[in-house]
Amino acid sequence: MTEQKQLKYDVAYLKMAFEWGKLSHCKRKQVGALIVKDRMIISDGFNGTPTGFDNCCEDEEGLTKWEVLHAEANALLKVAASTQSAKNATLYITLSPCTQCSKLIHQAGIKRVVYANGYRDRAGLDFLEKAGVTTMHLPYE
């Protein structure tokens, strides 16, 4: 695929990740993620509480509750429960991954991460780059 055509797809998938993030009940930050392999969306996720828990993501002080799952973790868990594999896939995410999610991304075999906004801590991206995962900052919105 040409670089220009790939960029067109990257923008479209990132746009879809933003739409997916709008499904989150979190007030502080709504994050969306898509896992794409061979131009097919094989998984999706947004940040939120585990199944069966109250959808409120923040505590009384407005801080994110510890049990909230990040969008990329939800997408990885969903693909793990399916017949698909994330090996050699691309993760599109509205916010760059934290260190904990970066370990999961690498371990799942994802080879490329395209993100719109940078997380306050770059350590997750640094880890991914050290692990050989291609990262691409693609500002959007």
N, C-alpha and C. Protein backbone atom coordinates (compact mmCIF):
# COMPACT_ATOMS: atom_id res chain seq x y z
N MET A 1 0.85 -1.18 0.00
CA MET A 1 0.00 0.00 0.00
C MET A 1 0.89 1.24 0.00
N THR A 2 0.52 2.22 -0.80
CA THR A 2 1.31 3.45 -0.84
C THR A 2 1.19 4.19 0.49
N GLU A 3 2.18 5.04 0.73
CA GLU A 3 2.19 5.82 1.97
C GLU A 3 0.96 6.73 2.06
N GLN A 4 0.59 7.32 0.94
CA GLN A 4 -0.56 8.24 0.92
C GLN A 4 -1.85 7.48 1.21
N LYS A 5 -2.00 6.30 0.63
CA LYS A 5 -3.20 5.49 0.85
C LYS A 5 -3.25 5.01 2.31
N GLN A 6 -2.09 4.63 2.86
CA GLN A 6 -2.03 4.19 4.25
C GLN A 6 -2.44 5.32 5.19
N LEU A 7 -1.97 6.54 4.90
CA LEU A 7 -2.32 7.69 5.72
C LEU A 7 -3.83 7.94 5.69
N LYS A 8 -4.44 7.76 4.53
CA LYS A 8 -5.88 7.93 4.39
C LYS A 8 -6.62 6.93 5.30
N TYR A 9 -6.17 5.70 5.31
CA TYR A 9 -6.77 4.68 6.18
C TYR A 9 -6.51 5.00 7.65
N ASP A 10 -5.28 5.43 7.95
CA ASP A 10 -4.93 5.77 9.34
C ASP A 10 -5.87 6.85 9.88
N VAL A 11 -6.11 7.88 9.09
CA VAL A 11 -6.99 8.98 9.50
C VAL A 11 -8.42 8.45 9.71
N ALA A 12 -8.89 7.62 8.80
CA ALA A 12 -10.26 7.08 8.90
C ALA A 12 -10.43 6.21 10.14
N TYR A 13 -9.47 5.33 10.41
CA TYR A 13 -9.57 4.46 11.59
C TYR A 13 -9.46 5.27 12.89
N LEU A 14 -8.62 6.29 12.88
CA LEU A 14 -8.48 7.13 14.06
C LEU A 14 -9.78 7.90 14.32
N LYS A 15 -10.41 8.36 13.26
CA LYS A 15 -11.70 9.04 13.36
C LYS A 15 -12.73 8.09 13.99
N MET A 16 -12.72 6.85 13.58
CA MET A 16 -13.64 5.85 14.14
C MET A 16 -13.32 5.60 15.62
N ALA A 17 -12.05 5.61 15.98
CA ALA A 17 -11.66 5.41 17.38
C ALA A 17 -12.21 6.55 18.25
N PHE A 18 -12.21 7.77 17.72
CA PHE A 18 -12.80 8.90 18.46
C PHE A 18 -14.30 8.68 18.66
N GLU A 19 -14.98 8.20 17.64
CA GLU A 19 -16.41 7.92 17.76
C GLU A 19 -16.65 6.83 18.81
N TRP A 20 -15.81 5.81 18.81
CA TRP A 20 -15.93 4.72 19.76
C TRP A 20 -15.72 5.22 21.18
N GLY A 21 -14.77 6.14 21.35
CA GLY A 21 -14.50 6.72 22.66
C GLY A 21 -15.70 7.45 23.25
N LYS A 22 -16.56 7.98 22.39
CA LYS A 22 -17.76 8.68 22.86
C LYS A 22 -18.73 7.76 23.59
N LEU A 23 -18.54 6.45 23.47
CA LEU A 23 -19.39 5.48 24.18
C LEU A 23 -19.00 5.34 25.65
N SER A 24 -17.84 5.85 26.00
CA SER A 24 -17.34 5.76 27.38
C SER A 24 -18.19 6.62 28.31
N HIS A 25 -18.40 6.13 29.52
CA HIS A 25 -19.12 6.89 30.54
C HIS A 25 -18.19 7.77 31.37
N CYS A 26 -16.89 7.71 31.10
CA CYS A 26 -15.93 8.50 31.87
C CYS A 26 -16.11 9.98 31.58
N LYS A 27 -16.06 10.79 32.63
CA LYS A 27 -16.23 12.24 32.48
C LYS A 27 -14.91 12.93 32.19
N ARG A 28 -13.83 12.47 32.82
CA ARG A 28 -12.53 13.14 32.69
C ARG A 28 -11.95 12.99 31.29
N LYS A 29 -12.01 11.80 30.77
CA LYS A 29 -11.38 11.52 29.48
C LYS A 29 -12.08 10.34 28.82
N GLN A 30 -12.50 10.51 27.59
CA GLN A 30 -13.09 9.43 26.83
C GLN A 30 -12.07 8.97 25.80
N VAL A 31 -11.67 7.71 25.90
CA VAL A 31 -10.64 7.17 25.01
C VAL A 31 -11.23 6.01 24.22
N GLY A 32 -10.94 5.97 22.93
CA GLY A 32 -11.39 4.89 22.06
C GLY A 32 -10.22 4.20 21.40
N ALA A 33 -10.40 2.91 21.11
CA ALA A 33 -9.34 2.12 20.48
C ALA A 33 -9.93 1.15 19.47
N LEU A 34 -9.20 0.94 18.38
CA LEU A 34 -9.55 -0.07 17.38
C LEU A 34 -8.31 -0.90 17.08
N ILE A 35 -8.49 -2.20 16.92
CA ILE A 35 -7.40 -3.05 16.46
C ILE A 35 -7.76 -3.49 15.05
N VAL A 36 -6.85 -3.20 14.12
CA VAL A 36 -7.09 -3.46 12.70
C VAL A 36 -6.01 -4.39 12.17
N LYS A 37 -6.46 -5.40 11.43
CA LYS A 37 -5.54 -6.36 10.82
C LYS A 37 -6.01 -6.64 9.40
N ASP A 38 -5.13 -6.52 8.44
CA ASP A 38 -5.48 -6.74 7.03
C ASP A 38 -6.69 -5.90 6.63
N ARG A 39 -6.70 -4.65 7.07
CA ARG A 39 -7.76 -3.68 6.79
C ARG A 39 -9.13 -4.11 7.31
N MET A 40 -9.15 -4.97 8.32
CA MET A 40 -10.40 -5.35 8.97
C MET A 40 -10.32 -4.99 10.44
N ILE A 41 -11.37 -4.39 10.98
CA ILE A 41 -11.42 -4.11 12.41
C ILE A 41 -11.70 -5.44 13.10
N ILE A 42 -10.74 -5.89 13.91
CA ILE A 42 -10.92 -7.17 14.60
C ILE A 42 -11.32 -6.98 16.06
N SER A 43 -11.18 -5.75 16.58
CA SER A 43 -11.60 -5.49 17.94
C SER A 43 -11.72 -3.99 18.18
N ASP A 44 -12.44 -3.66 19.23
CA ASP A 44 -12.64 -2.26 19.59
C ASP A 44 -12.75 -2.17 21.10
N GLY A 45 -12.56 -0.97 21.61
CA GLY A 45 -12.69 -0.78 23.05
C GLY A 45 -12.75 0.68 23.40
N PHE A 46 -13.26 0.95 24.59
CA PHE A 46 -13.24 2.30 25.15
C PHE A 46 -13.00 2.15 26.64
N ASN A 47 -12.57 3.22 27.28
CA ASN A 47 -12.28 3.14 28.71
C ASN A 47 -13.58 3.09 29.50
N GLY A 48 -13.56 2.26 30.54
CA GLY A 48 -14.75 2.13 31.37
C GLY A 48 -14.57 1.05 32.43
N THR A 49 -15.59 0.90 33.23
CA THR A 49 -15.55 -0.06 34.33
C THR A 49 -15.76 -1.49 33.82
N PRO A 50 -15.31 -2.49 34.58
CA PRO A 50 -15.53 -3.88 34.17
C PRO A 50 -17.02 -4.22 34.11
N THR A 51 -17.34 -5.24 33.34
CA THR A 51 -18.71 -5.72 33.21
C THR A 51 -19.32 -5.98 34.58
N GLY A 52 -20.55 -5.52 34.76
CA GLY A 52 -21.26 -5.75 36.01
C GLY A 52 -21.05 -4.69 37.07
N PHE A 53 -20.15 -3.73 36.81
CA PHE A 53 -19.89 -2.66 37.76
C PHE A 53 -20.64 -1.40 37.34
N ASP A 54 -20.86 -0.50 38.29
CA ASP A 54 -21.47 0.79 38.01
C ASP A 54 -20.65 1.50 36.95
N ASN A 55 -21.31 2.14 36.00
CA ASN A 55 -20.62 2.81 34.89
C ASN A 55 -19.90 4.09 35.27
N CYS A 56 -19.96 4.49 36.52
CA CYS A 56 -19.29 5.71 36.95
C CYS A 56 -17.78 5.45 37.06
N CYS A 57 -16.99 6.21 36.33
CA CYS A 57 -15.54 5.98 36.28
C CYS A 57 -14.75 6.81 37.30
N GLU A 58 -15.38 7.85 37.85
CA GLU A 58 -14.67 8.74 38.76
C GLU A 58 -15.21 8.61 40.18
N ASP A 59 -14.32 8.85 41.16
CA ASP A 59 -14.73 8.82 42.56
C ASP A 59 -15.29 10.19 42.97
N GLU A 60 -15.58 10.35 44.26
CA GLU A 60 -16.18 11.60 44.76
C GLU A 60 -15.28 12.82 44.51
N GLU A 61 -13.96 12.62 44.47
CA GLU A 61 -13.03 13.73 44.23
C GLU A 61 -12.82 14.00 42.73
N GLY A 62 -13.47 13.21 41.89
CA GLY A 62 -13.32 13.39 40.45
C GLY A 62 -12.13 12.66 39.86
N LEU A 63 -11.47 11.82 40.66
CA LEU A 63 -10.32 11.04 40.17
C LEU A 63 -10.81 9.72 39.58
N THR A 64 -10.08 9.22 38.60
CA THR A 64 -10.45 7.96 37.97
C THR A 64 -10.28 6.81 38.96
N LYS A 65 -11.30 5.97 39.06
CA LYS A 65 -11.25 4.81 39.94
C LYS A 65 -10.20 3.83 39.43
N TRP A 66 -9.54 3.13 40.34
CA TRP A 66 -8.46 2.23 39.95
C TRP A 66 -8.94 1.08 39.06
N GLU A 67 -10.20 0.69 39.21
CA GLU A 67 -10.69 -0.48 38.46
C GLU A 67 -11.07 -0.18 37.01
N VAL A 68 -11.02 1.09 36.60
CA VAL A 68 -11.37 1.44 35.23
C VAL A 68 -10.35 0.81 34.27
N LEU A 69 -10.88 0.15 33.24
CA LEU A 69 -10.04 -0.46 32.21
C LEU A 69 -9.78 0.56 31.11
N HIS A 70 -8.56 0.61 30.63
CA HIS A 70 -8.22 1.52 29.54
C HIS A 70 -8.77 0.96 28.23
N ALA A 71 -8.97 1.83 27.26
CA ALA A 71 -9.57 1.46 25.98
C ALA A 71 -8.80 0.35 25.28
N GLU A 72 -7.46 0.47 25.26
CA GLU A 72 -6.66 -0.54 24.55
C GLU A 72 -6.69 -1.88 25.28
N ALA A 73 -6.77 -1.86 26.61
CA ALA A 73 -6.88 -3.10 27.38
C ALA A 73 -8.22 -3.79 27.06
N ASN A 74 -9.29 -2.99 26.99
CA ASN A 74 -10.59 -3.55 26.63
C ASN A 74 -10.57 -4.17 25.24
N ALA A 75 -9.94 -3.49 24.28
CA ALA A 75 -9.86 -4.01 22.92
C ALA A 75 -9.04 -5.30 22.88
N LEU A 76 -7.93 -5.34 23.63
CA LEU A 76 -7.10 -6.54 23.67
C LEU A 76 -7.82 -7.71 24.34
N LEU A 77 -8.55 -7.43 25.40
CA LEU A 77 -9.32 -8.48 26.07
C LEU A 77 -10.41 -9.03 25.17
N LYS A 78 -11.03 -8.15 24.41
CA LYS A 78 -12.09 -8.57 23.50
C LYS A 78 -11.53 -9.47 22.38
N VAL A 79 -10.38 -9.10 21.83
CA VAL A 79 -9.79 -9.92 20.77
C VAL A 79 -9.30 -11.25 21.34
N ALA A 80 -8.83 -11.24 22.59
CA ALA A 80 -8.36 -12.48 23.23
C ALA A 80 -9.50 -13.48 23.43
N ALA A 81 -10.71 -12.96 23.60
CA ALA A 81 -11.88 -13.82 23.80
C ALA A 81 -12.49 -14.28 22.48
N SER A 82 -11.91 -13.82 21.37
CA SER A 82 -12.44 -14.18 20.05
C SER A 82 -11.54 -15.23 19.39
N THR A 83 -11.82 -15.50 18.15
CA THR A 83 -10.97 -16.43 17.39
C THR A 83 -9.88 -15.68 16.63
N GLN A 84 -9.83 -14.36 16.77
CA GLN A 84 -8.85 -13.54 16.07
C GLN A 84 -7.54 -13.47 16.86
N SER A 85 -6.50 -13.01 16.19
CA SER A 85 -5.20 -12.76 16.82
C SER A 85 -4.77 -11.34 16.50
N ALA A 86 -4.21 -10.67 17.48
CA ALA A 86 -3.72 -9.30 17.27
C ALA A 86 -2.30 -9.28 16.71
N LYS A 87 -1.72 -10.43 16.47
CA LYS A 87 -0.35 -10.51 15.97
C LYS A 87 -0.23 -9.76 14.64
N ASN A 88 0.72 -8.85 14.59
CA ASN A 88 1.01 -8.01 13.42
C ASN A 88 -0.09 -7.00 13.08
N ALA A 89 -0.98 -6.73 14.01
CA ALA A 89 -2.08 -5.79 13.78
C ALA A 89 -1.62 -4.36 14.11
N THR A 90 -2.49 -3.41 13.80
CA THR A 90 -2.29 -2.01 14.14
C THR A 90 -3.34 -1.61 15.17
N LEU A 91 -2.90 -0.90 16.20
CA LEU A 91 -3.80 -0.35 17.21
C LEU A 91 -3.97 1.13 16.93
N TYR A 92 -5.20 1.56 16.77
CA TYR A 92 -5.53 2.98 16.62
C TYR A 92 -6.13 3.43 17.93
N ILE A 93 -5.58 4.48 18.51
CA ILE A 93 -6.04 4.92 19.82
C ILE A 93 -6.01 6.44 19.92
N THR A 94 -6.99 6.98 20.62
CA THR A 94 -7.12 8.43 20.70
C THR A 94 -6.10 9.05 21.66
N LEU A 95 -5.57 8.25 22.59
CA LEU A 95 -4.58 8.72 23.56
C LEU A 95 -3.45 7.70 23.65
N SER A 96 -2.21 8.13 23.58
CA SER A 96 -1.09 7.17 23.59
C SER A 96 -1.14 6.32 24.86
N PRO A 97 -0.66 5.08 24.77
CA PRO A 97 -0.80 4.14 25.88
C PRO A 97 0.11 4.40 27.08
N CYS A 98 -0.39 4.03 28.25
CA CYS A 98 0.40 4.09 29.48
C CYS A 98 1.37 2.91 29.49
N THR A 99 2.20 2.85 30.49
CA THR A 99 3.20 1.77 30.58
C THR A 99 2.56 0.40 30.71
N GLN A 100 1.52 0.30 31.53
CA GLN A 100 0.87 -1.00 31.74
C GLN A 100 0.25 -1.52 30.44
N CYS A 101 -0.46 -0.66 29.73
CA CYS A 101 -1.08 -1.07 28.47
C CYS A 101 -0.03 -1.34 27.39
N SER A 102 1.08 -0.62 27.43
CA SER A 102 2.14 -0.84 26.45
C SER A 102 2.70 -2.26 26.54
N LYS A 103 2.82 -2.77 27.75
CA LYS A 103 3.29 -4.15 27.92
C LYS A 103 2.30 -5.13 27.28
N LEU A 104 1.01 -4.87 27.47
CA LEU A 104 -0.02 -5.74 26.89
C LEU A 104 0.00 -5.67 25.37
N ILE A 105 0.16 -4.46 24.84
CA ILE A 105 0.20 -4.26 23.38
C ILE A 105 1.35 -5.05 22.77
N HIS A 106 2.52 -4.92 23.35
CA HIS A 106 3.70 -5.65 22.85
C HIS A 106 3.48 -7.16 22.96
N GLN A 107 3.01 -7.61 24.10
CA GLN A 107 2.83 -9.05 24.33
C GLN A 107 1.78 -9.64 23.39
N ALA A 108 0.79 -8.84 22.99
CA ALA A 108 -0.26 -9.31 22.08
C ALA A 108 0.24 -9.42 20.64
N GLY A 109 1.43 -8.88 20.36
CA GLY A 109 2.00 -8.98 19.02
C GLY A 109 1.64 -7.84 18.09
N ILE A 110 1.04 -6.79 18.63
CA ILE A 110 0.72 -5.62 17.80
C ILE A 110 2.04 -4.99 17.34
N LYS A 111 2.11 -4.66 16.06
CA LYS A 111 3.36 -4.15 15.49
C LYS A 111 3.35 -2.65 15.21
N ARG A 112 2.16 -2.03 15.31
CA ARG A 112 2.06 -0.61 14.96
C ARG A 112 1.00 0.03 15.84
N VAL A 113 1.31 1.21 16.37
CA VAL A 113 0.36 1.97 17.18
C VAL A 113 0.25 3.37 16.59
N VAL A 114 -0.96 3.77 16.23
CA VAL A 114 -1.23 5.11 15.71
C VAL A 114 -2.10 5.81 16.75
N TYR A 115 -1.63 6.96 17.24
CA TYR A 115 -2.35 7.66 18.30
C TYR A 115 -2.53 9.14 17.94
N ALA A 116 -3.61 9.73 18.47
CA ALA A 116 -3.92 11.13 18.16
C ALA A 116 -3.31 12.09 19.17
N ASN A 117 -3.45 11.78 20.45
CA ASN A 117 -2.99 12.67 21.51
C ASN A 117 -1.98 11.96 22.40
N GLY A 118 -1.02 12.71 22.90
CA GLY A 118 0.00 12.13 23.77
C GLY A 118 -0.44 12.08 25.23
N TYR A 119 -0.24 10.94 25.86
CA TYR A 119 -0.48 10.80 27.30
C TYR A 119 0.59 11.60 28.03
N ARG A 120 0.31 12.05 29.24
CA ARG A 120 1.25 12.92 29.98
C ARG A 120 2.62 12.27 30.20
N ASP A 121 2.66 10.96 30.21
CA ASP A 121 3.91 10.23 30.43
C ASP A 121 4.27 9.47 29.14
N ARG A 122 5.45 9.75 28.59
CA ARG A 122 5.91 9.13 27.34
C ARG A 122 6.48 7.73 27.53
N ALA A 123 6.59 7.27 28.76
CA ALA A 123 7.27 6.00 29.03
C ALA A 123 6.65 4.81 28.28
N GLY A 124 5.33 4.81 28.11
CA GLY A 124 4.67 3.73 27.37
C GLY A 124 5.11 3.69 25.92
N LEU A 125 5.19 4.86 25.29
CA LEU A 125 5.66 4.94 23.91
C LEU A 125 7.13 4.55 23.80
N ASP A 126 7.93 5.00 24.76
CA ASP A 126 9.36 4.66 24.76
C ASP A 126 9.54 3.14 24.85
N PHE A 127 8.73 2.50 25.70
CA PHE A 127 8.81 1.04 25.84
C PHE A 127 8.45 0.36 24.52
N LEU A 128 7.36 0.80 23.90
CA LEU A 128 6.93 0.19 22.64
C LEU A 128 8.01 0.32 21.57
N GLU A 129 8.60 1.51 21.46
CA GLU A 129 9.64 1.73 20.46
C GLU A 129 10.85 0.85 20.73
N LYS A 130 11.21 0.70 22.01
CA LYS A 130 12.32 -0.19 22.40
C LYS A 130 12.00 -1.64 22.04
N ALA A 131 10.72 -2.00 22.11
CA ALA A 131 10.29 -3.37 21.82
C ALA A 131 10.12 -3.62 20.32
N GLY A 132 10.34 -2.58 19.51
CA GLY A 132 10.24 -2.76 18.06
C GLY A 132 8.87 -2.50 17.48
N VAL A 133 7.98 -1.92 18.28
CA VAL A 133 6.64 -1.57 17.79
C VAL A 133 6.73 -0.16 17.18
N THR A 134 6.23 0.00 15.97
CA THR A 134 6.22 1.28 15.30
C THR A 134 5.14 2.16 15.92
N THR A 135 5.49 3.38 16.30
CA THR A 135 4.49 4.30 16.83
C THR A 135 4.39 5.50 15.90
N MET A 136 3.18 6.01 15.77
CA MET A 136 2.96 7.15 14.88
C MET A 136 1.98 8.12 15.53
N HIS A 137 2.45 9.35 15.73
CA HIS A 137 1.59 10.41 16.25
C HIS A 137 0.86 11.04 15.08
N LEU A 138 -0.45 10.95 15.09
CA LEU A 138 -1.26 11.51 14.01
C LEU A 138 -2.33 12.40 14.64
N PRO A 139 -1.98 13.71 14.86
CA PRO A 139 -2.93 14.61 15.51
C PRO A 139 -4.25 14.64 14.76
N TYR A 140 -5.34 14.62 15.52
CA TYR A 140 -6.67 14.62 14.93
C TYR A 140 -7.62 15.38 15.84
N GLU A 141 -8.51 16.12 15.28
CA GLU A 141 -9.52 16.94 15.97
C GLU A 141 -8.95 18.07 16.76
